[in-house]
Amino acid sequence: MARFLFKSFENEAVVFDTASGDTHLLAPFTLTLFELIQSRPGMMAHEIEPALLSRLDQPSEHLTALTQDSLASLRKLGLLETP
């Protein structure tokens, strides 16, 4: 069984962590970031923003701040391990 199970809605998604039993609501950007990190284990920090830009409909002028905030949120929720 996969560790994370997803259910997407119109503008957000929930992720169920089978290891902890917790369910978390993720905003669209945070979900995109989480899926990116899950699909590319070992991704280096400097690779995240270019990879996000290729997945987003249009570039965000606040991408760095949004990425850092979303990474911090994923760590706080226990969905992202800190090396």
PDB file of N, CA and C in Angstrom:
ATOM      1  N   MET A   1       0.841  -1.175   0.000  1.00  0.00           N
ATOM      2  CA  MET A   1       0.000   0.000   0.000  1.00  0.00           C
ATOM      3  C   MET A   1       0.890   1.243   0.000  1.00  0.00           C
ATOM      4  N   ALA A   2       0.503   2.230  -0.777  1.00  0.00           N
ATOM      5  CA  ALA A   2       1.243   3.491  -0.829  1.00  0.00           C
ATOM      6  C   ALA A   2       1.114   4.217   0.506  1.00  0.00           C
ATOM      7  N   ARG A   3       2.154   4.950   0.864  1.00  0.00           N
ATOM      8  CA  ARG A   3       2.103   5.689   2.130  1.00  0.00           C
ATOM      9  C   ARG A   3       1.081   6.818   2.071  1.00  0.00           C
ATOM     10  N   PHE A   4       0.967   7.494   0.927  1.00  0.00           N
ATOM     11  CA  PHE A   4       0.071   8.637   0.810  1.00  0.00           C
ATOM     12  C   PHE A   4      -1.048   8.338  -0.179  1.00  0.00           C
ATOM     13  N   LEU A   5      -2.278   8.611   0.247  1.00  0.00           N
ATOM     14  CA  LEU A   5      -3.448   8.454  -0.607  1.00  0.00           C
ATOM     15  C   LEU A   5      -4.065   9.831  -0.809  1.00  0.00           C
ATOM     16  N   PHE A   6      -4.453  10.146  -2.040  1.00  0.00           N
ATOM     17  CA  PHE A   6      -4.944  11.473  -2.383  1.00  0.00           C
ATOM     18  C   PHE A   6      -6.398  11.437  -2.820  1.00  0.00           C
ATOM     19  N   LYS A   7      -7.096  12.516  -2.508  1.00  0.00           N
ATOM     20  CA  LYS A   7      -8.433  12.761  -3.045  1.00  0.00           C
ATOM     21  C   LYS A   7      -8.456  14.220  -3.460  1.00  0.00           C
ATOM     22  N   SER A   8      -8.620  14.468  -4.753  1.00  0.00           N
ATOM     23  CA  SER A   8      -8.610  15.835  -5.273  1.00  0.00           C
ATOM     24  C   SER A   8     -10.023  16.373  -5.405  1.00  0.00           C
ATOM     25  N   PHE A   9     -10.142  17.654  -5.142  1.00  0.00           N
ATOM     26  CA  PHE A   9     -11.384  18.388  -5.313  1.00  0.00           C
ATOM     27  C   PHE A   9     -11.110  19.518  -6.296  1.00  0.00           C
ATOM     28  N   GLU A  10     -12.055  20.394  -6.475  1.00  0.00           N
ATOM     29  CA  GLU A  10     -11.915  21.449  -7.480  1.00  0.00           C
ATOM     30  C   GLU A  10     -10.650  22.293  -7.301  1.00  0.00           C
ATOM     31  N   ASN A  11     -10.425  22.855  -6.129  1.00  0.00           N
ATOM     32  CA  ASN A  11      -9.289  23.754  -5.923  1.00  0.00           C
ATOM     33  C   ASN A  11      -8.346  23.316  -4.820  1.00  0.00           C
ATOM     34  N   GLU A  12      -8.466  22.088  -4.370  1.00  0.00           N
ATOM     35  CA  GLU A  12      -7.612  21.609  -3.289  1.00  0.00           C
ATOM     36  C   GLU A  12      -7.633  20.089  -3.273  1.00  0.00           C
ATOM     37  N   ALA A  13      -6.903  19.533  -2.337  1.00  0.00           N
ATOM     38  CA  ALA A  13      -6.863  18.076  -2.217  1.00  0.00           C
ATOM     39  C   ALA A  13      -6.595  17.708  -0.769  1.00  0.00           C
ATOM     40  N   VAL A  14      -6.958  16.497  -0.420  1.00  0.00           N
ATOM     41  CA  VAL A  14      -6.593  15.966   0.885  1.00  0.00           C
ATOM     42  C   VAL A  14      -5.634  14.810   0.653  1.00  0.00           C
ATOM     43  N   VAL A  15      -4.717  14.669   1.583  1.00  0.00           N
ATOM     44  CA  VAL A  15      -3.772  13.563   1.530  1.00  0.00           C
ATOM     45  C   VAL A  15      -3.884  12.809   2.852  1.00  0.00           C
ATOM     46  N   PHE A  16      -4.021  11.499   2.750  1.00  0.00           N
ATOM     47  CA  PHE A  16      -4.079  10.631   3.923  1.00  0.00           C
ATOM     48  C   PHE A  16      -2.732   9.953   4.052  1.00  0.00           C
ATOM     49  N   ASP A  17      -2.121  10.111   5.218  1.00  0.00           N
ATOM     50  CA  ASP A  17      -0.828   9.497   5.515  1.00  0.00           C
ATOM     51  C   ASP A  17      -1.108   8.164   6.200  1.00  0.00           C
ATOM     52  N   THR A  18      -0.913   7.066   5.481  1.00  0.00           N
ATOM     53  CA  THR A  18      -1.224   5.749   6.038  1.00  0.00           C
ATOM     54  C   THR A  18      -0.305   5.382   7.198  1.00  0.00           C
ATOM     55  N   ALA A  19       0.871   5.992   7.273  1.00  0.00           N
ATOM     56  CA  ALA A  19       1.805   5.696   8.364  1.00  0.00           C
ATOM     57  C   ALA A  19       1.341   6.303   9.681  1.00  0.00           C
ATOM     58  N   SER A  20       0.791   7.523   9.618  1.00  0.00           N
ATOM     59  CA  SER A  20       0.380   8.206  10.850  1.00  0.00           C
ATOM     60  C   SER A  20      -1.125   8.159  11.083  1.00  0.00           C
ATOM     61  N   GLY A  21      -1.886   7.926  10.021  1.00  0.00           N
ATOM     62  CA  GLY A  21      -3.337   7.955  10.128  1.00  0.00           C
ATOM     63  C   GLY A  21      -3.915   9.356  10.022  1.00  0.00           C
ATOM     64  N   ASP A  22      -3.073  10.341   9.747  1.00  0.00           N
ATOM     65  CA  ASP A  22      -3.511  11.732   9.653  1.00  0.00           C
ATOM     66  C   ASP A  22      -3.967  12.071   8.238  1.00  0.00           C
ATOM     67  N   THR A  23      -4.942  12.971   8.163  1.00  0.00           N
ATOM     68  CA  THR A  23      -5.420  13.493   6.892  1.00  0.00           C
ATOM     69  C   THR A  23      -5.163  14.991   6.874  1.00  0.00           C
ATOM     70  N   HIS A  24      -4.648  15.494   5.753  1.00  0.00           N
ATOM     71  CA  HIS A  24      -4.278  16.902   5.642  1.00  0.00           C
ATOM     72  C   HIS A  24      -4.886  17.509   4.385  1.00  0.00           C
ATOM     73  N   LEU A  25      -5.370  18.737   4.518  1.00  0.00           N
ATOM     74  CA  LEU A  25      -5.876  19.505   3.390  1.00  0.00           C
ATOM     75  C   LEU A  25      -4.718  20.290   2.786  1.00  0.00           C
ATOM     76  N   LEU A  26      -4.500  20.138   1.483  1.00  0.00           N
ATOM     77  CA  LEU A  26      -3.410  20.832   0.806  1.00  0.00           C
ATOM     78  C   LEU A  26      -3.957  21.791  -0.245  1.00  0.00           C
ATOM     79  N   ALA A  27      -3.427  23.001  -0.233  1.00  0.00           N
ATOM     80  CA  ALA A  27      -3.759  23.984  -1.263  1.00  0.00           C
ATOM     81  C   ALA A  27      -3.170  23.509  -2.591  1.00  0.00           C
ATOM     82  N   PRO A  28      -3.674  24.001  -3.710  1.00  0.00           N
ATOM     83  CA  PRO A  28      -3.194  23.534  -5.014  1.00  0.00           C
ATOM     84  C   PRO A  28      -1.681  23.633  -5.203  1.00  0.00           C
ATOM     85  N   PHE A  29      -1.076  24.755  -4.843  1.00  0.00           N
ATOM     86  CA  PHE A  29       0.370  24.889  -5.022  1.00  0.00           C
ATOM     87  C   PHE A  29       1.121  23.892  -4.156  1.00  0.00           C
ATOM     88  N   THR A  30       0.696  23.744  -2.906  1.00  0.00           N
ATOM     89  CA  THR A  30       1.365  22.812  -1.996  1.00  0.00           C
ATOM     90  C   THR A  30       1.226  21.382  -2.496  1.00  0.00           C
ATOM     91  N   LEU A  31       0.072  21.039  -3.044  1.00  0.00           N
ATOM     92  CA  LEU A  31      -0.119  19.705  -3.618  1.00  0.00           C
ATOM     93  C   LEU A  31       0.819  19.489  -4.806  1.00  0.00           C
ATOM     94  N   THR A  32       0.937  20.480  -5.676  1.00  0.00           N
ATOM     95  CA  THR A  32       1.846  20.374  -6.823  1.00  0.00           C
ATOM     96  C   THR A  32       3.277  20.162  -6.355  1.00  0.00           C
ATOM     97  N   LEU A  33       3.693  20.924  -5.358  1.00  0.00           N
ATOM     98  CA  LEU A  33       5.036  20.791  -4.801  1.00  0.00           C
ATOM     99  C   LEU A  33       5.230  19.406  -4.184  1.00  0.00           C
ATOM    100  N   PHE A  34       4.257  18.940  -3.411  1.00  0.00           N
ATOM    101  CA  PHE A  34       4.341  17.631  -2.763  1.00  0.00           C
ATOM    102  C   PHE A  34       4.441  16.513  -3.800  1.00  0.00           C
ATOM    103  N   GLU A  35       3.601  16.568  -4.831  1.00  0.00           N
ATOM    104  CA  GLU A  35       3.646  15.548  -5.883  1.00  0.00           C
ATOM    105  C   GLU A  35       4.984  15.571  -6.622  1.00  0.00           C
ATOM    106  N   LEU A  36       5.515  16.755  -6.853  1.00  0.00           N
ATOM    107  CA  LEU A  36       6.814  16.880  -7.510  1.00  0.00           C
ATOM    108  C   LEU A  36       7.900  16.205  -6.687  1.00  0.00           C
ATOM    109  N   ILE A  37       7.933  16.492  -5.410  1.00  0.00           N
ATOM    110  CA  ILE A  37       8.953  15.919  -4.527  1.00  0.00           C
ATOM    111  C   ILE A  37       8.792  14.403  -4.432  1.00  0.00           C
ATOM    112  N   GLN A  38       7.548  13.919  -4.380  1.00  0.00           N
ATOM    113  CA  GLN A  38       7.302  12.481  -4.317  1.00  0.00           C
ATOM    114  C   GLN A  38       7.736  11.785  -5.605  1.00  0.00           C
ATOM    115  N   SER A  39       7.602  12.476  -6.731  1.00  0.00           N
ATOM    116  CA  SER A  39       7.935  11.859  -8.017  1.00  0.00           C
ATOM    117  C   SER A  39       9.434  11.873  -8.307  1.00  0.00           C
ATOM    118  N   ARG A  40      10.175  12.703  -7.587  1.00  0.00           N
ATOM    119  CA  ARG A  40      11.615  12.810  -7.826  1.00  0.00           C
ATOM    120  C   ARG A  40      12.383  12.760  -6.512  1.00  0.00           C
ATOM    121  N   PRO A  41      12.438  11.597  -5.868  1.00  0.00           N
ATOM    122  CA  PRO A  41      13.187  11.476  -4.612  1.00  0.00           C
ATOM    123  C   PRO A  41      14.641  11.901  -4.816  1.00  0.00           C
ATOM    124  N   GLY A  42      15.173  12.583  -3.830  1.00  0.00           N
ATOM    125  CA  GLY A  42      16.557  13.024  -3.918  1.00  0.00           C
ATOM    126  C   GLY A  42      16.738  14.335  -4.652  1.00  0.00           C
ATOM    127  N   MET A  43      15.637  14.964  -5.022  1.00  0.00           N
ATOM    128  CA  MET A  43      15.707  16.245  -5.721  1.00  0.00           C
ATOM    129  C   MET A  43      16.432  17.270  -4.852  1.00  0.00           C
ATOM    130  N   MET A  44      17.326  18.003  -5.458  1.00  0.00           N
ATOM    131  CA  MET A  44      18.079  19.029  -4.749  1.00  0.00           C
ATOM    132  C   MET A  44      17.248  20.312  -4.681  1.00  0.00           C
ATOM    133  N   ALA A  45      17.487  21.113  -3.647  1.00  0.00           N
ATOM    134  CA  ALA A  45      16.712  22.338  -3.437  1.00  0.00           C
ATOM    135  C   ALA A  45      16.733  23.257  -4.657  1.00  0.00           C
ATOM    136  N   HIS A  46      17.877  23.387  -5.310  1.00  0.00           N
ATOM    137  CA  HIS A  46      17.982  24.297  -6.456  1.00  0.00           C
ATOM    138  C   HIS A  46      17.231  23.784  -7.694  1.00  0.00           C
ATOM    139  N   GLU A  47      16.775  22.541  -7.660  1.00  0.00           N
ATOM    140  CA  GLU A  47      16.032  21.965  -8.788  1.00  0.00           C
ATOM    141  C   GLU A  47      14.523  22.157  -8.657  1.00  0.00           C
ATOM    142  N   ILE A  48      14.069  22.529  -7.469  1.00  0.00           N
ATOM    143  CA  ILE A  48      12.628  22.583  -7.208  1.00  0.00           C
ATOM    144  C   ILE A  48      11.929  23.670  -8.021  1.00  0.00           C
ATOM    145  N   GLU A  49      12.410  24.903  -7.945  1.00  0.00           N
ATOM    146  CA  GLU A  49      11.716  25.996  -8.630  1.00  0.00           C
ATOM    147  C   GLU A  49      11.641  25.814 -10.147  1.00  0.00           C
ATOM    148  N   PRO A  50      12.737  25.450 -10.827  1.00  0.00           N
ATOM    149  CA  PRO A  50      12.606  25.220 -12.278  1.00  0.00           C
ATOM    150  C   PRO A  50      11.604  24.104 -12.604  1.00  0.00           C
ATOM    151  N   ALA A  51      11.585  23.060 -11.786  1.00  0.00           N
ATOM    152  CA  ALA A  51      10.639  21.964 -12.019  1.00  0.00           C
ATOM    153  C   ALA A  51       9.203  22.427 -11.779  1.00  0.00           C
ATOM    154  N   LEU A  52       9.005  23.274 -10.775  1.00  0.00           N
ATOM    155  CA  LEU A  52       7.668  23.813 -10.521  1.00  0.00           C
ATOM    156  C   LEU A  52       7.203  24.689 -11.678  1.00  0.00           C
ATOM    157  N   LEU A  53       8.103  25.521 -12.176  1.00  0.00           N
ATOM    158  CA  LEU A  53       7.741  26.401 -13.291  1.00  0.00           C
ATOM    159  C   LEU A  53       7.260  25.610 -14.501  1.00  0.00           C
ATOM    160  N   SER A  54       7.846  24.438 -14.718  1.00  0.00           N
ATOM    161  CA  SER A  54       7.429  23.624 -15.863  1.00  0.00           C
ATOM    162  C   SER A  54       6.055  23.002 -15.651  1.00  0.00           C
ATOM    163  N   ARG A  55       5.600  22.913 -14.397  1.00  0.00           N
ATOM    164  CA  ARG A  55       4.291  22.325 -14.097  1.00  0.00           C
ATOM    165  C   ARG A  55       3.184  23.366 -13.959  1.00  0.00           C
ATOM    166  N   LEU A  56       3.559  24.610 -13.689  1.00  0.00           N
ATOM    167  CA  LEU A  56       2.564  25.649 -13.462  1.00  0.00           C
ATOM    168  C   LEU A  56       2.105  26.253 -14.779  1.00  0.00           C
ATOM    169  N   ASP A  57       0.875  26.736 -14.790  1.00  0.00           N
ATOM    170  CA  ASP A  57       0.330  27.362 -15.993  1.00  0.00           C
ATOM    171  C   ASP A  57       1.095  28.626 -16.364  1.00  0.00           C
ATOM    172  N   GLN A  58       1.492  29.376 -15.347  1.00  0.00           N
ATOM    173  CA  GLN A  58       2.259  30.582 -15.592  1.00  0.00           C
ATOM    174  C   GLN A  58       3.202  30.836 -14.429  1.00  0.00           C
ATOM    175  N   PRO A  59       4.313  31.487 -14.693  1.00  0.00           N
ATOM    176  CA  PRO A  59       5.277  31.754 -13.627  1.00  0.00           C
ATOM    177  C   PRO A  59       4.686  32.664 -12.559  1.00  0.00           C
ATOM    178  N   SER A  60       5.120  32.446 -11.346  1.00  0.00           N
ATOM    179  CA  SER A  60       4.688  33.278 -10.232  1.00  0.00           C
ATOM    180  C   SER A  60       5.839  34.178  -9.826  1.00  0.00           C
ATOM    181  N   GLU A  61       5.555  35.453  -9.676  1.00  0.00           N
ATOM    182  CA  GLU A  61       6.613  36.376  -9.270  1.00  0.00           C
ATOM    183  C   GLU A  61       7.015  36.170  -7.819  1.00  0.00           C
ATOM    184  N   HIS A  62       6.212  35.446  -7.072  1.00  0.00           N
ATOM    185  CA  HIS A  62       6.504  35.178  -5.662  1.00  0.00           C
ATOM    186  C   HIS A  62       6.837  33.702  -5.440  1.00  0.00           C
ATOM    187  N   LEU A  63       7.364  33.054  -6.459  1.00  0.00           N
ATOM    188  CA  LEU A  63       7.584  31.611  -6.413  1.00  0.00           C
ATOM    189  C   LEU A  63       8.518  31.180  -5.285  1.00  0.00           C
ATOM    190  N   THR A  64       9.600  31.898  -5.062  1.00  0.00           N
ATOM    191  CA  THR A  64      10.558  31.502  -4.027  1.00  0.00           C
ATOM    192  C   THR A  64       9.911  31.515  -2.652  1.00  0.00           C
ATOM    193  N   ALA A  65       9.219  32.599  -2.312  1.00  0.00           N
ATOM    194  CA  ALA A  65       8.571  32.700  -1.001  1.00  0.00           C
ATOM    195  C   ALA A  65       7.478  31.646  -0.853  1.00  0.00           C
ATOM    196  N   LEU A  66       6.687  31.461  -1.893  1.00  0.00           N
ATOM    197  CA  LEU A  66       5.616  30.467  -1.854  1.00  0.00           C
ATOM    198  C   LEU A  66       6.180  29.060  -1.699  1.00  0.00           C
ATOM    199  N   THR A  67       7.261  28.776  -2.392  1.00  0.00           N
ATOM    200  CA  THR A  67       7.903  27.464  -2.293  1.00  0.00           C
ATOM    201  C   THR A  67       8.431  27.232  -0.885  1.00  0.00           C
ATOM    202  N   GLN A  68       9.117  28.212  -0.320  1.00  0.00           N
ATOM    203  CA  GLN A  68       9.671  28.068   1.028  1.00  0.00           C
ATOM    204  C   GLN A  68       8.564  27.887   2.065  1.00  0.00           C
ATOM    205  N   ASP A  69       7.480  28.658   1.949  1.00  0.00           N
ATOM    206  CA  ASP A  69       6.353  28.525   2.878  1.00  0.00           C
ATOM    207  C   ASP A  69       5.708  27.147   2.762  1.00  0.00           C
ATOM    208  N   SER A  70       5.537  26.675   1.545  1.00  0.00           N
ATOM    209  CA  SER A  70       4.913  25.365   1.333  1.00  0.00           C
ATOM    210  C   SER A  70       5.799  24.230   1.831  1.00  0.00           C
ATOM    211  N   LEU A  71       7.106  24.337   1.620  1.00  0.00           N
ATOM    212  CA  LEU A  71       8.033  23.326   2.144  1.00  0.00           C
ATOM    213  C   LEU A  71       7.973  23.284   3.667  1.00  0.00           C
ATOM    214  N   ALA A  72       7.936  24.456   4.297  1.00  0.00           N
ATOM    215  CA  ALA A  72       7.843  24.517   5.762  1.00  0.00           C
ATOM    216  C   ALA A  72       6.542  23.886   6.243  1.00  0.00           C
ATOM    217  N   SER A  73       5.462  24.132   5.531  1.00  0.00           N
ATOM    218  CA  SER A  73       4.166  23.555   5.885  1.00  0.00           C
ATOM    219  C   SER A  73       4.191  22.031   5.771  1.00  0.00           C
ATOM    220  N   LEU A  74       4.766  21.514   4.693  1.00  0.00           N
ATOM    221  CA  LEU A  74       4.859  20.059   4.510  1.00  0.00           C
ATOM    222  C   LEU A  74       5.717  19.416   5.596  1.00  0.00           C
ATOM    223  N   ARG A  75       6.798  20.088   5.985  1.00  0.00           N
ATOM    224  CA  ARG A  75       7.643  19.564   7.074  1.00  0.00           C
ATOM    225  C   ARG A  75       6.876  19.543   8.389  1.00  0.00           C
ATOM    226  N   LYS A  76       6.160  20.626   8.674  1.00  0.00           N
ATOM    227  CA  LYS A  76       5.398  20.738   9.923  1.00  0.00           C
ATOM    228  C   LYS A  76       4.326  19.650  10.016  1.00  0.00           C
ATOM    229  N   LEU A  77       3.715  19.328   8.890  1.00  0.00           N
ATOM    230  CA  LEU A  77       2.680  18.292   8.858  1.00  0.00           C
ATOM    231  C   LEU A  77       3.256  16.877   8.913  1.00  0.00           C
ATOM    232  N   GLY A  78       4.574  16.764   8.763  1.00  0.00           N
ATOM    233  CA  GLY A  78       5.207  15.449   8.763  1.00  0.00           C
ATOM    234  C   GLY A  78       5.144  14.751   7.417  1.00  0.00           C
ATOM    235  N   LEU A  79       4.826  15.501   6.356  1.00  0.00           N
ATOM    236  CA  LEU A  79       4.734  14.923   5.017  1.00  0.00           C
ATOM    237  C   LEU A  79       6.046  14.995   4.260  1.00  0.00           C
ATOM    238  N   LEU A  80       6.995  15.720   4.811  1.00  0.00           N
ATOM    239  CA  LEU A  80       8.288  15.893   4.169  1.00  0.00           C
ATOM    240  C   LEU A  80       9.362  15.766   5.231  1.00  0.00           C
ATOM    241  N   GLU A  81      10.283  14.861   4.998  1.00  0.00           N
ATOM    242  CA  GLU A  81      11.370  14.666   5.951  1.00  0.00           C
ATOM    243  C   GLU A  81      12.479  15.656   5.672  1.00  0.00           C
ATOM    244  N   THR A  82      13.065  16.171   6.732  1.00  0.00           N
ATOM    245  CA  THR A  82      14.197  17.078   6.604  1.00  0.00           C
ATOM    246  C   THR A  82      15.473  16.264   6.661  1.00  0.00           C
ATOM    247  N   PRO A  83      16.356  16.464   5.658  1.00  0.00           N
ATOM    248  CA  PRO A  83      17.606  15.683   5.656  1.00  0.00           C
ATOM    249  C   PRO A  83      18.480  16.012   6.848  1.00  0.00           C
TER     250      PRO A  83
END
